[in-house]
N, C-alpha and C. Protein backbone atom coordinates (compact mmCIF):
# COMPACT_ATOMS: atom_id res chain seq x y z
N CYS A 1 0.84 -1.19 0.00
CA CYS A 1 0.00 0.00 0.00
C CYS A 1 0.88 1.25 0.00
N ALA A 2 1.95 1.22 -0.76
CA ALA A 2 2.84 2.38 -0.88
C ALA A 2 2.87 2.81 -2.35
N LYS A 3 2.83 4.11 -2.57
CA LYS A 3 2.80 4.58 -3.95
C LYS A 3 3.48 5.93 -4.04
N THR A 4 4.25 6.12 -5.10
CA THR A 4 4.84 7.41 -5.41
C THR A 4 4.14 7.97 -6.64
N VAL A 5 3.67 9.20 -6.53
CA VAL A 5 2.92 9.84 -7.61
C VAL A 5 3.64 11.12 -8.01
N THR A 6 3.84 11.31 -9.30
CA THR A 6 4.43 12.55 -9.80
C THR A 6 3.39 13.27 -10.65
N LEU A 7 3.05 14.47 -10.22
CA LEU A 7 2.08 15.29 -10.94
C LEU A 7 2.86 16.22 -11.87
N SER A 8 2.69 16.06 -13.17
CA SER A 8 3.48 16.85 -14.12
C SER A 8 2.74 18.08 -14.62
N ASN A 9 1.42 18.07 -14.56
CA ASN A 9 0.60 19.19 -15.01
C ASN A 9 0.16 19.98 -13.78
N PRO A 10 0.35 21.31 -13.75
CA PRO A 10 -0.02 22.10 -12.58
C PRO A 10 -1.49 21.96 -12.17
N MET A 11 -2.38 21.60 -13.08
CA MET A 11 -3.80 21.46 -12.76
C MET A 11 -4.20 20.00 -12.55
N GLU A 12 -3.24 19.09 -12.53
CA GLU A 12 -3.53 17.66 -12.41
C GLU A 12 -4.03 17.33 -11.00
N HIS A 13 -4.98 16.40 -10.93
CA HIS A 13 -5.55 15.94 -9.67
C HIS A 13 -5.20 14.47 -9.46
N TYR A 14 -5.04 14.09 -8.21
CA TYR A 14 -4.82 12.69 -7.87
C TYR A 14 -5.62 12.42 -6.60
N TYR A 15 -6.40 11.35 -6.59
CA TYR A 15 -7.23 11.03 -5.44
C TYR A 15 -6.61 9.89 -4.64
N VAL A 16 -6.44 10.11 -3.35
CA VAL A 16 -5.91 9.10 -2.43
C VAL A 16 -7.09 8.56 -1.63
N THR A 17 -7.24 7.25 -1.63
CA THR A 17 -8.29 6.62 -0.84
C THR A 17 -7.71 5.45 -0.07
N SER A 18 -8.39 5.08 0.99
CA SER A 18 -7.97 3.89 1.73
C SER A 18 -8.35 2.65 0.92
N SER A 19 -7.71 1.56 1.22
CA SER A 19 -7.96 0.31 0.52
C SER A 19 -9.42 -0.10 0.68
N GLY A 20 -10.10 -0.37 -0.42
CA GLY A 20 -11.49 -0.81 -0.37
C GLY A 20 -12.51 0.30 -0.24
N PHE A 21 -12.09 1.56 -0.25
CA PHE A 21 -13.03 2.68 -0.13
C PHE A 21 -14.14 2.53 -1.16
N PRO A 22 -15.40 2.73 -0.80
CA PRO A 22 -15.93 3.41 0.37
C PRO A 22 -16.23 2.50 1.56
N LEU A 23 -15.88 1.24 1.48
CA LEU A 23 -16.07 0.35 2.63
C LEU A 23 -15.04 0.68 3.70
N HIS A 24 -15.26 0.17 4.91
CA HIS A 24 -14.31 0.38 5.99
C HIS A 24 -12.98 -0.27 5.64
N TYR A 25 -11.91 0.35 6.05
CA TYR A 25 -10.59 -0.20 5.76
C TYR A 25 -10.22 -1.27 6.78
N HIS A 26 -9.36 -2.16 6.37
CA HIS A 26 -8.90 -3.23 7.25
C HIS A 26 -7.61 -2.78 7.92
N SER A 27 -7.32 -3.37 9.05
CA SER A 27 -6.09 -3.06 9.77
C SER A 27 -4.91 -3.65 9.01
N ILE A 28 -4.25 -2.84 8.21
CA ILE A 28 -3.16 -3.34 7.36
C ILE A 28 -1.83 -2.68 7.69
N GLY A 29 -1.73 -2.03 8.81
CA GLY A 29 -0.49 -1.32 9.12
C GLY A 29 -0.58 0.10 8.62
N SER A 30 0.29 0.46 7.71
CA SER A 30 0.25 1.83 7.22
C SER A 30 0.30 1.87 5.70
N CYS A 31 -0.30 2.89 5.17
CA CYS A 31 -0.25 3.16 3.73
C CYS A 31 0.47 4.49 3.56
N VAL A 32 1.37 4.55 2.60
CA VAL A 32 2.16 5.76 2.38
C VAL A 32 2.04 6.17 0.92
N TRP A 33 1.66 7.41 0.70
CA TRP A 33 1.66 7.99 -0.64
C TRP A 33 2.69 9.10 -0.63
N GLU A 34 3.61 9.06 -1.55
CA GLU A 34 4.59 10.13 -1.70
C GLU A 34 4.22 10.86 -2.98
N ILE A 35 3.90 12.14 -2.84
CA ILE A 35 3.40 12.91 -3.98
C ILE A 35 4.40 14.02 -4.31
N HIS A 36 4.76 14.09 -5.59
CA HIS A 36 5.71 15.09 -6.07
C HIS A 36 5.05 15.92 -7.16
N ALA A 37 5.41 17.19 -7.21
CA ALA A 37 4.99 18.07 -8.30
C ALA A 37 6.25 18.51 -9.05
N SER A 38 6.06 19.15 -10.17
CA SER A 38 7.19 19.66 -10.94
C SER A 38 7.92 20.73 -10.14
N PRO A 39 9.24 20.90 -10.37
CA PRO A 39 9.98 21.96 -9.68
C PRO A 39 9.29 23.32 -9.84
N GLY A 40 9.25 24.08 -8.77
CA GLY A 40 8.59 25.38 -8.78
C GLY A 40 7.11 25.33 -8.49
N GLN A 41 6.53 24.13 -8.44
CA GLN A 41 5.10 23.97 -8.14
C GLN A 41 4.93 23.57 -6.68
N SER A 42 3.73 23.72 -6.16
CA SER A 42 3.41 23.26 -4.81
C SER A 42 2.28 22.24 -4.91
N ILE A 43 1.96 21.63 -3.79
CA ILE A 43 0.93 20.59 -3.74
C ILE A 43 -0.17 21.05 -2.79
N VAL A 44 -1.41 20.91 -3.20
CA VAL A 44 -2.55 21.22 -2.35
C VAL A 44 -3.28 19.92 -2.07
N ALA A 45 -3.44 19.59 -0.79
CA ALA A 45 -4.20 18.40 -0.38
C ALA A 45 -5.53 18.87 0.18
N SER A 46 -6.61 18.45 -0.44
CA SER A 46 -7.96 18.79 0.02
C SER A 46 -8.65 17.53 0.50
N PHE A 47 -9.27 17.59 1.66
CA PHE A 47 -9.99 16.45 2.21
C PHE A 47 -11.47 16.60 1.89
N GLN A 48 -11.98 15.74 1.00
CA GLN A 48 -13.38 15.80 0.63
C GLN A 48 -14.23 14.89 1.50
N TYR A 49 -13.68 13.77 1.91
CA TYR A 49 -14.40 12.85 2.79
C TYR A 49 -13.37 12.26 3.73
N PHE A 50 -13.62 12.39 5.01
CA PHE A 50 -12.64 11.95 5.99
C PHE A 50 -13.39 11.43 7.20
N ASN A 51 -13.17 10.16 7.56
CA ASN A 51 -13.89 9.59 8.68
C ASN A 51 -12.99 8.60 9.41
N LEU A 52 -12.52 9.01 10.58
CA LEU A 52 -11.73 8.13 11.44
C LEU A 52 -12.51 7.86 12.71
N PRO A 53 -12.29 6.70 13.34
CA PRO A 53 -12.96 6.44 14.61
C PRO A 53 -12.49 7.42 15.67
N GLU A 54 -13.36 7.69 16.64
CA GLU A 54 -13.00 8.61 17.70
C GLU A 54 -11.84 8.05 18.50
N ARG A 55 -10.93 8.92 18.87
CA ARG A 55 -9.72 8.52 19.59
C ARG A 55 -10.08 8.06 21.00
N THR A 56 -9.45 6.98 21.45
CA THR A 56 -9.69 6.44 22.80
C THR A 56 -8.38 6.39 23.58
N GLY A 57 -7.63 7.46 23.59
CA GLY A 57 -6.40 7.51 24.35
C GLY A 57 -5.14 7.49 23.51
N ASN A 58 -5.17 6.79 22.39
CA ASN A 58 -4.00 6.82 21.51
C ASN A 58 -4.43 7.30 20.13
N CYS A 59 -3.52 7.36 19.25
CA CYS A 59 -3.80 7.87 17.91
C CYS A 59 -3.48 6.78 16.90
N ALA A 60 -4.16 5.64 17.01
CA ALA A 60 -3.86 4.49 16.15
C ALA A 60 -4.26 4.76 14.70
N ASP A 61 -5.36 5.45 14.49
CA ASP A 61 -5.83 5.79 13.14
C ASP A 61 -5.54 7.27 12.92
N ARG A 62 -4.75 7.55 11.89
CA ARG A 62 -4.36 8.95 11.70
C ARG A 62 -3.91 9.21 10.27
N VAL A 63 -3.86 10.47 9.95
CA VAL A 63 -3.27 10.93 8.69
C VAL A 63 -2.10 11.82 9.08
N ILE A 64 -0.94 11.56 8.48
CA ILE A 64 0.24 12.38 8.73
C ILE A 64 0.65 13.01 7.41
N ILE A 65 0.74 14.33 7.39
CA ILE A 65 1.22 15.05 6.22
C ILE A 65 2.61 15.53 6.55
N SER A 66 3.59 15.12 5.76
CA SER A 66 4.99 15.49 6.01
C SER A 66 5.50 16.35 4.87
N GLU A 67 6.26 17.35 5.24
CA GLU A 67 6.95 18.17 4.25
C GLU A 67 8.32 18.48 4.84
N GLY A 68 9.34 17.84 4.30
CA GLY A 68 10.67 17.98 4.87
C GLY A 68 10.69 17.39 6.27
N LEU A 69 11.11 18.17 7.25
CA LEU A 69 11.16 17.71 8.63
C LEU A 69 9.90 18.04 9.41
N THR A 70 8.92 18.67 8.76
CA THR A 70 7.70 19.08 9.43
C THR A 70 6.61 18.04 9.22
N ASN A 71 5.94 17.62 10.30
CA ASN A 71 4.82 16.69 10.23
C ASN A 71 3.58 17.35 10.81
N SER A 72 2.44 17.13 10.19
CA SER A 72 1.15 17.51 10.74
C SER A 72 0.37 16.21 10.90
N THR A 73 -0.09 15.91 12.12
CA THR A 73 -0.81 14.67 12.38
C THR A 73 -2.26 14.99 12.72
N PHE A 74 -3.18 14.30 12.07
CA PHE A 74 -4.60 14.48 12.31
C PHE A 74 -5.17 13.15 12.80
N CYS A 75 -5.77 13.16 14.00
CA CYS A 75 -6.22 11.91 14.60
C CYS A 75 -7.72 11.70 14.48
N ILE A 76 -8.50 12.72 14.63
CA ILE A 76 -9.95 12.57 14.58
C ILE A 76 -10.53 13.69 13.72
N VAL A 77 -11.77 13.55 13.37
CA VAL A 77 -12.42 14.50 12.46
C VAL A 77 -12.31 15.93 12.97
N ASP A 78 -12.41 16.14 14.29
CA ASP A 78 -12.34 17.50 14.82
C ASP A 78 -10.99 18.16 14.57
N ASP A 79 -9.93 17.35 14.39
CA ASP A 79 -8.60 17.90 14.16
C ASP A 79 -8.36 18.24 12.69
N ILE A 80 -9.16 17.71 11.81
CA ILE A 80 -8.82 17.76 10.39
C ILE A 80 -9.03 19.16 9.81
N ILE A 81 -8.13 19.50 8.92
CA ILE A 81 -8.27 20.74 8.18
C ILE A 81 -8.86 20.38 6.82
N SER A 82 -9.48 21.33 6.17
CA SER A 82 -10.08 21.01 4.88
C SER A 82 -9.07 21.08 3.75
N GLU A 83 -7.95 21.82 3.96
CA GLU A 83 -6.98 21.95 2.89
C GLU A 83 -5.59 22.20 3.46
N PHE A 84 -4.59 21.62 2.83
CA PHE A 84 -3.19 21.79 3.21
C PHE A 84 -2.41 22.14 1.96
N SER A 85 -1.59 23.18 2.02
CA SER A 85 -0.76 23.58 0.87
C SER A 85 0.70 23.43 1.24
N SER A 86 1.46 22.78 0.36
CA SER A 86 2.89 22.61 0.60
C SER A 86 3.65 23.88 0.24
N VAL A 87 4.85 23.99 0.77
CA VAL A 87 5.73 25.09 0.41
C VAL A 87 6.53 24.70 -0.83
N GLY A 88 6.94 23.43 -0.89
CA GLY A 88 7.74 22.94 -2.01
C GLY A 88 6.97 21.99 -2.89
N ASN A 89 7.72 21.21 -3.68
CA ASN A 89 7.06 20.32 -4.64
C ASN A 89 7.06 18.86 -4.19
N LYS A 90 7.33 18.58 -2.92
CA LYS A 90 7.30 17.21 -2.40
C LYS A 90 6.57 17.16 -1.08
């Protein structure tokens, strides 16, 4: 469940979904998508549908957005932002 995606067109879209979406996902460890844009471009991640179980003390189900050494972790729906824009092209 790991994939590297390179967006070559500035208006290109790529949809990331959990395995088996729209059904519930299975406990498979982690899925990693590495998304790259052309040099000089940035990446915008928009969350159109996001549903994680409510946290019960730990953050077992989460989305982590990394850019360089910076990580943003979202554990439950209340934490989620609707859009994230990168500074660079990775």
